[in-house]
């Protein structure tokens, strides 16, 4: 509450497999997990968290995009040196017990796209992002400069970096949102350079990141393994949910990564020994895709299966052991709950996503107002009036959503 940070989980070193070495400290604020949180909360009508987290990240990075880390301490400090506590036996003999997290020093390119997606979300809800533009433009510049590099990816692998498709796609998101913000707000930016890099990323993904034989997107260049992070491509607007390539990618992931009705993260080497449980957020990402692709029955089945993995209070862990019917990983895991919200809203088919007519109209209204020199044509005025009405309707809808959510909580 004091800083605006959102912790990934409350615990450290609860194992992703009993007796294994996949034991991590999650008591930090990840850019990725936090953007999931604020986007999910936005869909429920809560906007304050997005503003506070945006301030937290800019403050923690010292306003310098080059100083961005994938995670920060919840008090805003940068140091998170990973240390193994050899004198502790760990949960049920799962060693090592770790404090700190070395992922902070990894190059994870998706962070750039997630922050620009957050900025776009705030802008769509009426926030003035001009004061943050220098920082945001620097982030876009870094994405344009570094997108060709291999990275450690969303899964923070502990072997060699690769050209992960999801990471490349999120660099595209950074550039696309940067271009849209600059154009919509009349902000200074090297648009020609950004457009060139944006288009180059898309072309490379569609060639190197796509397996023409399988007809779906691949985990990394030269690697056609299934990877559940690809289920997020439409959520970040890189490709429509109903694009034939995305339909086949969704089907491929479900076929290759399903284990007991739940979805594993991937099936590839990651530099660590031993197995892990199924990663619960991935199942909810699959639900989002299936529901928006019209496969409601399948989506509901996966949703019910993943929801049943919660404890008696409805709280989820990070992973789950299908055979032992037991929770695995750190607890309570924010990303699991945020992904569950996203899946639930997809099943309800609520019109709260940022591609809705009301939000588009609101963006158009602000653009027209900025261009207005007092001599707008009658048509422009009418368009602005319609857009302002749409904004008013959206605010009324958000108020109704908040009231409904609070009523549901009281009933529970």
Protein backbone atom coordinates (compact mmCIF):
# COMPACT_ATOMS: atom_id res chain seq x y z
CA UNK A 1 0.00 0.00 0.00
CA UNK A 2 2.83 2.40 0.82
CA UNK A 3 4.74 1.99 -2.43
CA UNK A 4 2.24 0.74 -5.01
CA UNK A 5 4.18 -2.50 -5.51
CA UNK A 6 2.34 -5.78 -6.06
CA UNK A 7 4.08 -8.87 -4.67
CA UNK A 8 4.03 -12.02 -6.80
CA UNK A 9 3.47 -14.22 -3.74
CA UNK A 10 3.89 -14.14 0.02
CA UNK A 11 6.40 -16.99 0.32
CA UNK A 12 9.81 -18.23 -0.72
CA UNK A 13 11.09 -21.67 -1.73
CA UNK A 14 7.86 -23.63 -1.58
CA UNK A 15 8.86 -26.24 -4.18
CA UNK A 16 7.45 -26.67 -7.67
CA UNK A 17 8.14 -30.37 -7.12
CA UNK A 18 8.58 -32.09 -3.77
CA UNK A 19 12.27 -32.84 -3.23
CA UNK A 20 13.30 -30.85 -6.28
CA UNK A 21 15.49 -27.78 -6.80
CA UNK A 22 12.86 -25.51 -8.41
CA UNK A 23 12.44 -23.41 -5.29
CA UNK A 24 12.30 -19.64 -5.75
CA UNK A 25 11.76 -16.49 -3.76
CA UNK A 26 8.58 -14.78 -4.99
CA UNK A 27 8.37 -12.02 -2.39
CA UNK A 28 9.12 -9.40 -5.03
CA UNK A 29 7.19 -7.24 -7.46
CA UNK A 30 7.55 -8.51 -11.04
CA UNK A 31 6.67 -6.15 -13.86
CA UNK A 32 4.96 -8.98 -15.71
CA UNK A 33 2.82 -10.31 -12.85
CA UNK A 34 1.89 -6.81 -11.73
CA UNK A 35 0.69 -5.75 -15.17
CA UNK A 36 -1.49 -8.86 -15.20
CA UNK A 37 -2.88 -7.77 -11.85
CA UNK A 38 -3.73 -4.23 -12.82
CA UNK A 39 -5.25 -5.27 -16.15
CA UNK A 40 -7.44 -7.83 -14.39
CA UNK A 41 -8.48 -5.25 -11.79
CA UNK A 42 -9.20 -2.72 -14.53
CA UNK A 43 -11.60 -5.19 -16.07
CA UNK A 44 -13.45 -5.22 -12.75
CA UNK A 45 -13.60 -1.44 -12.64
CA UNK A 46 -10.70 -0.73 -10.27
CA UNK A 47 -8.18 1.77 -11.68
CA UNK A 48 -6.14 3.12 -8.76
CA UNK A 49 -3.78 0.16 -8.69
CA UNK A 50 -2.60 0.81 -12.25
CA UNK A 51 -1.61 4.39 -11.48
CA UNK A 52 0.20 3.44 -8.28
CA UNK A 53 2.12 0.60 -9.89
CA UNK A 54 3.14 2.79 -12.84
CA UNK A 55 4.56 5.31 -10.38
CA UNK A 56 6.31 2.52 -8.45
CA UNK A 57 8.10 1.20 -11.53
CA UNK A 58 9.23 4.60 -12.77
CA UNK A 59 10.43 5.55 -9.30
CA UNK A 60 12.23 2.23 -8.75
CA UNK A 61 14.01 2.53 -12.10
CA UNK A 62 15.01 6.11 -11.34
CA UNK A 63 13.14 7.24 -14.43
CA UNK A 64 15.74 5.50 -16.59
CA UNK A 65 14.58 2.74 -18.94
CA UNK A 66 18.09 1.29 -18.99
CA UNK A 67 17.79 0.67 -15.25
CA UNK A 68 14.66 -1.43 -15.56
CA UNK A 69 14.77 -4.82 -13.88
CA UNK A 70 12.28 -7.62 -14.30
CA UNK A 71 11.51 -7.39 -10.59
CA UNK A 72 12.03 -5.04 -7.66
CA UNK A 73 11.76 -5.32 -3.90
CA UNK A 74 8.33 -4.25 -2.72
CA UNK A 75 9.88 -1.21 -1.02
CA UNK A 76 11.35 -0.15 -4.37
CA UNK A 77 14.92 -1.24 -3.71
CA UNK A 78 16.76 -2.90 -6.57
CA UNK A 79 18.96 -5.45 -4.81
CA UNK A 80 17.67 -9.02 -4.86
CA UNK A 81 20.84 -11.10 -4.79
CA UNK A 82 19.98 -14.80 -4.84
CA UNK A 83 21.43 -16.73 -1.89
CA UNK A 84 21.05 -20.41 -1.02
CA UNK A 85 20.56 -21.14 2.70
CA UNK A 86 22.37 -24.47 3.00
CA UNK A 87 21.59 -24.88 6.69
CA UNK A 88 17.84 -25.19 5.97
CA UNK A 89 16.34 -28.47 4.80
CA UNK A 90 13.44 -26.88 2.94
CA UNK A 91 9.80 -27.87 2.73
CA UNK A 92 9.66 -31.68 2.89
CA UNK A 93 13.34 -31.88 2.03
CA UNK A 94 13.15 -29.65 -1.03
CA UNK A 95 16.51 -27.96 -1.33
CA UNK A 96 17.88 -25.42 -1.78
CA UNK A 97 15.99 -22.78 0.19
CA UNK A 98 16.61 -19.47 -1.56
CA UNK A 99 16.25 -15.83 -0.64
CA UNK A 100 16.59 -13.27 -3.38
CA UNK A 101 16.02 -13.99 -7.05
CA UNK A 102 18.65 -13.95 -9.80
CA UNK A 103 15.94 -13.36 -12.40
CA UNK A 104 16.26 -9.66 -11.55
CA UNK A 105 19.46 -9.50 -13.60
CA UNK A 106 18.15 -11.48 -16.58
CA UNK A 107 17.25 -9.86 -19.88
CA UNK A 108 13.52 -10.48 -20.27
CA UNK A 109 12.32 -8.52 -23.26
CA UNK A 110 8.61 -8.93 -22.57
CA UNK A 111 8.79 -6.33 -19.76
CA UNK A 112 8.96 -3.49 -22.30
CA UNK A 113 5.70 -4.49 -23.94
CA UNK A 114 3.95 -5.02 -20.63
CA UNK A 115 4.79 -1.52 -19.43
CA UNK A 116 3.63 0.10 -22.67
CA UNK A 117 0.45 -1.96 -22.57
CA UNK A 118 -0.11 -0.60 -19.06
CA UNK A 119 0.45 2.96 -20.30
CA UNK A 120 -2.05 2.42 -23.12
CA UNK A 121 -4.58 1.06 -20.65
CA UNK A 122 -4.19 4.10 -18.40
CA UNK A 123 -4.53 6.44 -21.37
CA UNK A 124 -7.70 4.72 -22.50
CA UNK A 125 -9.19 5.36 -19.08
CA UNK A 126 -8.52 9.07 -19.23
CA UNK A 127 -5.09 9.34 -17.64
CA UNK A 128 -2.70 11.99 -18.93
CA UNK A 129 0.50 10.14 -19.71
CA UNK A 130 2.38 13.17 -21.10
CA UNK A 131 4.29 13.61 -17.83
CA UNK A 132 5.56 10.03 -18.15
CA UNK A 133 6.37 10.23 -21.83
CA UNK A 134 10.14 10.65 -21.58
CA UNK A 135 10.36 7.44 -19.55
CA UNK A 136 7.91 5.57 -21.78
CA UNK A 137 9.60 6.71 -24.99
CA UNK A 138 12.93 5.54 -23.59
CA UNK A 139 11.41 2.11 -22.98
CA UNK A 140 10.23 1.95 -26.58
CA UNK A 141 13.68 2.99 -27.77
CA UNK A 142 15.27 0.21 -25.72
CA UNK A 143 12.82 -2.32 -27.19
CA UNK A 144 13.67 -1.10 -30.69
CA UNK A 145 17.36 -1.44 -29.97
CA UNK A 146 17.36 -4.82 -28.20
CA UNK A 147 14.56 -6.90 -29.72
CA UNK A 148 17.00 -8.85 -31.91
CA UNK A 149 18.83 -10.19 -28.84
CA UNK A 150 18.09 -13.59 -27.29
CA UNK A 151 16.68 -13.43 -23.76
CA UNK A 152 15.67 -15.65 -20.85
CA UNK A 153 11.98 -15.23 -21.54
CA UNK A 154 8.82 -15.19 -19.51
CA UNK A 155 9.82 -18.50 -17.87
CA UNK A 156 13.18 -17.17 -16.69
CA UNK A 157 15.08 -20.23 -17.89
CA UNK A 158 18.39 -21.06 -16.23
CA UNK A 159 20.16 -22.28 -19.37
CA UNK A 160 21.22 -20.26 -22.41
CA UNK A 161 19.03 -17.38 -23.64
CA UNK A 162 16.98 -18.01 -26.77
CA UNK A 163 14.95 -16.09 -29.32
CA UNK A 164 11.62 -16.68 -27.60
CA UNK A 165 8.59 -15.82 -29.71
CA UNK A 166 6.62 -14.38 -26.81
CA UNK A 167 9.48 -12.03 -25.97
CA UNK A 168 9.69 -10.82 -29.57
CA UNK A 169 5.92 -10.31 -29.71
CA UNK A 170 5.99 -8.18 -26.57
CA UNK A 171 8.70 -6.00 -28.12
CA UNK A 172 6.25 -5.53 -30.99
CA UNK A 173 3.63 -4.53 -28.38
CA UNK A 174 6.02 -1.93 -26.93
CA UNK A 175 6.54 -0.36 -30.34
CA UNK A 176 2.91 -0.58 -31.39
CA UNK A 177 1.62 1.02 -28.19
CA UNK A 178 4.38 3.61 -28.28
CA UNK A 179 3.37 4.60 -31.80
CA UNK A 180 -0.31 4.75 -30.84
CA UNK A 181 0.37 6.87 -27.77
CA UNK A 182 2.58 9.29 -29.67
CA UNK A 183 0.01 9.68 -32.45
CA UNK A 184 -2.99 9.92 -30.13
CA UNK A 185 -1.40 12.39 -27.72
CA UNK A 186 0.65 14.41 -30.18
CA UNK A 187 3.89 13.50 -28.43
CA UNK A 188 7.36 13.73 -29.91
CA UNK A 189 8.79 10.38 -31.03
CA UNK A 190 10.96 8.85 -33.79
CA UNK A 191 7.89 7.31 -35.42
CA UNK A 192 9.57 6.24 -38.65
CA UNK A 193 12.21 4.28 -36.74
CA UNK A 194 9.62 2.74 -34.43
CA UNK A 195 7.40 1.69 -37.33
CA UNK A 196 10.35 0.14 -39.14
CA UNK A 197 11.28 -1.95 -36.10
CA UNK A 198 7.67 -2.86 -35.37
CA UNK A 199 7.16 -4.18 -38.89
CA UNK A 200 10.50 -6.00 -38.83
CA UNK A 201 9.53 -7.82 -35.62
CA UNK A 202 6.21 -8.95 -37.05
CA UNK A 203 7.86 -10.18 -40.24
CA UNK A 204 10.48 -12.12 -38.32
CA UNK A 205 7.92 -13.76 -36.02
CA UNK A 206 5.79 -14.74 -38.98
CA UNK A 207 8.78 -16.43 -40.59
CA UNK A 208 11.19 -17.58 -37.87
CA UNK A 209 8.61 -17.85 -35.10
CA UNK A 210 6.03 -19.80 -37.06
CA UNK A 211 6.12 -23.48 -37.93
CA UNK A 212 4.50 -23.76 -41.34
CA UNK A 213 4.40 -27.55 -41.12
CA UNK A 214 2.45 -27.55 -37.86
CA UNK A 215 0.59 -24.39 -38.78
CA UNK A 216 1.20 -22.71 -35.41
CA UNK A 217 3.55 -20.43 -33.52
CA UNK A 218 6.61 -22.01 -31.90
CA UNK A 219 8.30 -21.52 -28.55
CA UNK A 220 11.52 -20.08 -29.98
CA UNK A 221 13.30 -19.74 -33.30
CA UNK A 222 14.41 -23.18 -34.44
CA UNK A 223 12.39 -24.82 -31.69
CA UNK A 224 8.85 -25.99 -32.39
CA UNK A 225 8.08 -27.08 -28.83
CA UNK A 226 4.67 -26.13 -27.48
CA UNK A 227 4.75 -23.20 -25.06
CA UNK A 228 1.72 -21.96 -23.11
CA UNK A 229 2.95 -18.35 -23.13
CA UNK A 230 1.83 -18.22 -26.77
CA UNK A 231 -1.76 -18.32 -25.50
CA UNK A 232 -1.19 -14.68 -24.48
CA UNK A 233 -0.51 -13.43 -28.02
CA UNK A 234 -4.14 -12.39 -28.64
CA UNK A 235 -4.49 -10.96 -25.12
CA UNK A 236 -1.70 -8.55 -26.04
CA UNK A 237 -3.30 -7.92 -29.46
CA UNK A 238 -0.46 -9.34 -31.53
CA UNK A 239 -2.89 -11.63 -33.35
CA UNK A 240 -6.70 -12.00 -33.17
CA UNK A 241 -8.13 -14.85 -31.14
CA UNK A 242 -9.87 -16.24 -34.23
CA UNK A 243 -6.84 -16.02 -36.53
CA UNK A 244 -6.37 -19.51 -38.06
CA UNK A 245 -2.78 -19.60 -36.81
CA UNK A 246 -3.94 -18.84 -33.29
CA UNK A 247 -6.70 -21.44 -33.49
CA UNK A 248 -4.13 -24.06 -34.43
CA UNK A 249 -1.67 -22.83 -31.80
CA UNK A 250 -4.32 -23.12 -29.11
CA UNK A 251 -5.20 -26.63 -30.24
CA UNK A 252 -1.53 -27.64 -30.38
CA UNK A 253 -0.84 -26.40 -26.85
CA UNK A 254 -3.89 -28.17 -25.45
CA UNK A 255 -2.88 -31.41 -27.16
CA UNK A 256 0.79 -31.30 -26.16
CA UNK A 257 0.72 -29.78 -22.68
CA UNK A 258 -2.47 -31.13 -21.11
CA UNK A 259 -1.84 -33.20 -18.00
CA UNK A 260 -4.87 -34.35 -16.10
CA UNK A 261 -7.01 -31.54 -17.48
CA UNK A 262 -4.46 -28.86 -16.59
CA UNK A 263 -1.79 -27.18 -18.73
CA UNK A 264 1.97 -27.33 -18.25
CA UNK A 265 4.14 -24.36 -19.16
CA UNK A 266 6.23 -26.05 -21.86
CA UNK A 267 7.99 -29.26 -22.77
CA UNK A 268 11.61 -28.22 -23.25
CA UNK A 269 14.94 -28.07 -21.45
CA UNK A 270 15.29 -25.12 -19.11
CA UNK A 271 18.61 -25.70 -17.33
CA UNK A 272 17.08 -27.23 -14.20
CA UNK A 273 16.91 -30.80 -12.98
CA UNK A 274 13.75 -32.71 -12.29
CA UNK A 275 10.08 -32.24 -13.08
CA UNK A 276 7.59 -29.62 -11.97
CA UNK A 277 3.83 -29.46 -11.50
CA UNK A 278 1.34 -27.96 -13.91
CA UNK A 279 1.40 -24.18 -13.95
CA UNK A 280 -2.14 -23.09 -13.04
CA UNK A 281 -2.15 -19.69 -14.79
CA UNK A 282 -1.56 -21.45 -18.12
CA UNK A 283 -4.83 -23.35 -17.79
CA UNK A 284 -6.69 -20.09 -17.27
CA UNK A 285 -4.93 -18.58 -20.30
CA UNK A 286 -6.20 -21.52 -22.32
CA UNK A 287 -9.70 -20.84 -21.01
CA UNK A 288 -9.46 -17.24 -22.23
CA UNK A 289 -8.50 -18.40 -25.73
CA UNK A 290 -11.07 -21.17 -25.96
CA UNK A 291 -13.90 -18.98 -24.72
CA UNK A 292 -13.11 -16.20 -27.18
CA UNK A 293 -12.74 -18.73 -29.99
CA UNK A 294 -16.27 -19.98 -29.37
CA UNK A 295 -15.31 -23.28 -27.68
CA UNK A 296 -17.28 -22.52 -24.55
CA UNK A 297 -17.80 -26.10 -23.38
CA UNK A 298 -14.09 -26.87 -23.52
CA UNK A 299 -13.29 -23.56 -21.85
CA UNK A 300 -15.72 -24.26 -19.02
CA UNK A 301 -14.28 -27.73 -18.48
CA UNK A 302 -10.73 -26.40 -18.14
CA UNK A 303 -11.94 -23.54 -15.94
CA UNK A 304 -13.72 -25.84 -13.53
CA UNK A 305 -10.74 -28.19 -13.38
CA UNK A 306 -8.28 -25.39 -12.56
CA UNK A 307 -10.63 -23.68 -10.11
CA UNK A 308 -10.95 -26.95 -8.20
CA UNK A 309 -7.22 -26.74 -7.38
CA UNK A 310 -7.83 -23.94 -4.87
CA UNK A 311 -8.02 -24.57 -1.14
CA UNK A 312 -11.16 -24.33 0.97
CA UNK A 313 -10.83 -20.53 1.00
CA UNK A 314 -10.55 -20.32 -2.78
CA UNK A 315 -6.84 -19.46 -2.66
CA UNK A 316 -4.49 -20.83 -5.32
CA UNK A 317 -0.85 -21.81 -5.37
CA UNK A 318 1.42 -21.42 -8.37
CA UNK A 319 1.42 -25.06 -9.50
CA UNK A 320 -0.37 -28.31 -8.84
CA UNK A 321 0.56 -31.99 -8.61
CA UNK A 322 -2.11 -33.81 -10.59
CA UNK A 323 -1.22 -37.29 -9.32
CA UNK A 324 -0.98 -36.34 -5.64
CA UNK A 325 -3.82 -33.81 -5.88
CA UNK A 326 -1.66 -31.34 -3.99
CA UNK A 327 -0.57 -27.72 -4.28
CA UNK A 328 2.95 -26.91 -5.39
CA UNK A 329 4.98 -23.74 -5.57
CA UNK A 330 4.65 -20.46 -3.73
CA UNK A 331 1.40 -19.43 -2.08
CA UNK A 332 -0.78 -17.45 -2.45
CA UNK A 333 0.17 -16.89 -6.08
CA UNK A 334 -1.08 -13.62 -7.50
CA UNK A 335 -0.65 -14.57 -11.16
CA UNK A 336 -2.95 -17.55 -10.74
CA UNK A 337 -5.73 -15.42 -9.32
CA UNK A 338 -5.28 -12.68 -11.91
CA UNK A 339 -5.41 -15.25 -14.69
CA UNK A 340 -8.53 -16.77 -13.16
CA UNK A 341 -10.25 -13.37 -13.29
CA UNK A 342 -9.32 -12.99 -16.95
CA UNK A 343 -10.67 -16.47 -17.72
CA UNK A 344 -13.89 -15.88 -15.78
CA UNK A 345 -14.59 -12.65 -17.64
CA UNK A 346 -13.95 -14.38 -20.96
CA UNK A 347 -16.51 -17.02 -20.06
CA UNK A 348 -19.02 -14.35 -19.13
CA UNK A 349 -18.19 -12.55 -22.38
CA UNK A 350 -18.41 -9.19 -20.63
CA UNK A 351 -17.67 -6.19 -22.89
CA UNK A 352 -14.96 -4.75 -20.65
CA UNK A 353 -11.90 -5.29 -22.78
CA UNK A 354 -10.05 -2.34 -24.25
CA UNK A 355 -11.17 -3.08 -27.79
CA UNK A 356 -14.79 -2.27 -26.89
CA UNK A 357 -16.70 0.47 -28.66
CA UNK A 358 -16.91 2.73 -25.63
CA UNK A 359 -13.15 2.77 -25.09
CA UNK A 360 -12.43 3.35 -28.77
CA UNK A 361 -14.89 6.23 -28.73
CA UNK A 362 -13.21 7.70 -25.66
CA UNK A 363 -9.82 7.66 -27.40
CA UNK A 364 -11.35 9.28 -30.45
CA UNK A 365 -12.96 11.98 -28.31
CA UNK A 366 -9.65 12.93 -26.69
CA UNK A 367 -7.92 13.03 -30.09
CA UNK A 368 -10.61 15.31 -31.51
CA UNK A 369 -10.48 17.56 -28.47
CA UNK A 370 -6.71 17.94 -28.77
CA UNK A 371 -6.99 18.83 -32.46
CA UNK A 372 -9.80 21.26 -31.78
CA UNK A 373 -8.73 24.86 -32.45
CA UNK A 374 -12.18 26.25 -31.83
CA UNK A 375 -13.24 25.76 -35.41
CA UNK A 376 -14.19 22.10 -35.52
CA UNK A 377 -16.60 21.14 -38.19
CA UNK A 378 -20.13 20.08 -37.34
CA UNK A 379 -19.26 16.48 -38.06
CA UNK A 380 -16.28 16.59 -35.68
CA UNK A 381 -18.41 18.10 -32.96
CA UNK A 382 -21.02 15.41 -33.38
CA UNK A 383 -18.34 12.72 -33.24
CA UNK A 384 -16.88 14.26 -30.08
CA UNK A 385 -20.35 14.44 -28.53
CA UNK A 386 -21.04 10.81 -29.28
CA UNK A 387 -17.65 9.87 -27.84
CA UNK A 388 -18.25 11.86 -24.65
CA UNK A 389 -21.56 10.07 -24.27
CA UNK A 390 -19.73 6.77 -24.68
CA UNK A 391 -17.25 7.81 -21.99
CA UNK A 392 -20.13 8.70 -19.66
CA UNK A 393 -21.76 5.33 -20.35
CA UNK A 394 -18.45 3.58 -19.65
CA UNK A 395 -18.09 5.38 -16.29
CA UNK A 396 -21.64 4.39 -15.38
CA UNK A 397 -20.84 0.80 -16.35
CA UNK A 398 -17.67 0.82 -14.22
CA UNK A 399 -19.65 2.13 -11.25
CA UNK A 400 -22.20 -0.64 -11.74
CA UNK A 401 -19.43 -3.24 -11.97
CA UNK A 402 -17.90 -2.04 -8.71
CA UNK A 403 -21.26 -2.17 -6.98
CA UNK A 404 -21.95 -5.66 -8.34
CA UNK A 405 -18.51 -6.89 -7.29
CA UNK A 406 -18.92 -5.54 -3.76
CA UNK A 407 -22.37 -7.09 -3.51
CA UNK A 408 -21.01 -10.46 -4.59
CA UNK A 409 -18.24 -10.22 -2.00
CA UNK A 410 -20.70 -9.42 0.76
CA UNK A 411 -22.87 -12.36 -0.27
CA UNK A 412 -19.84 -14.66 -0.15
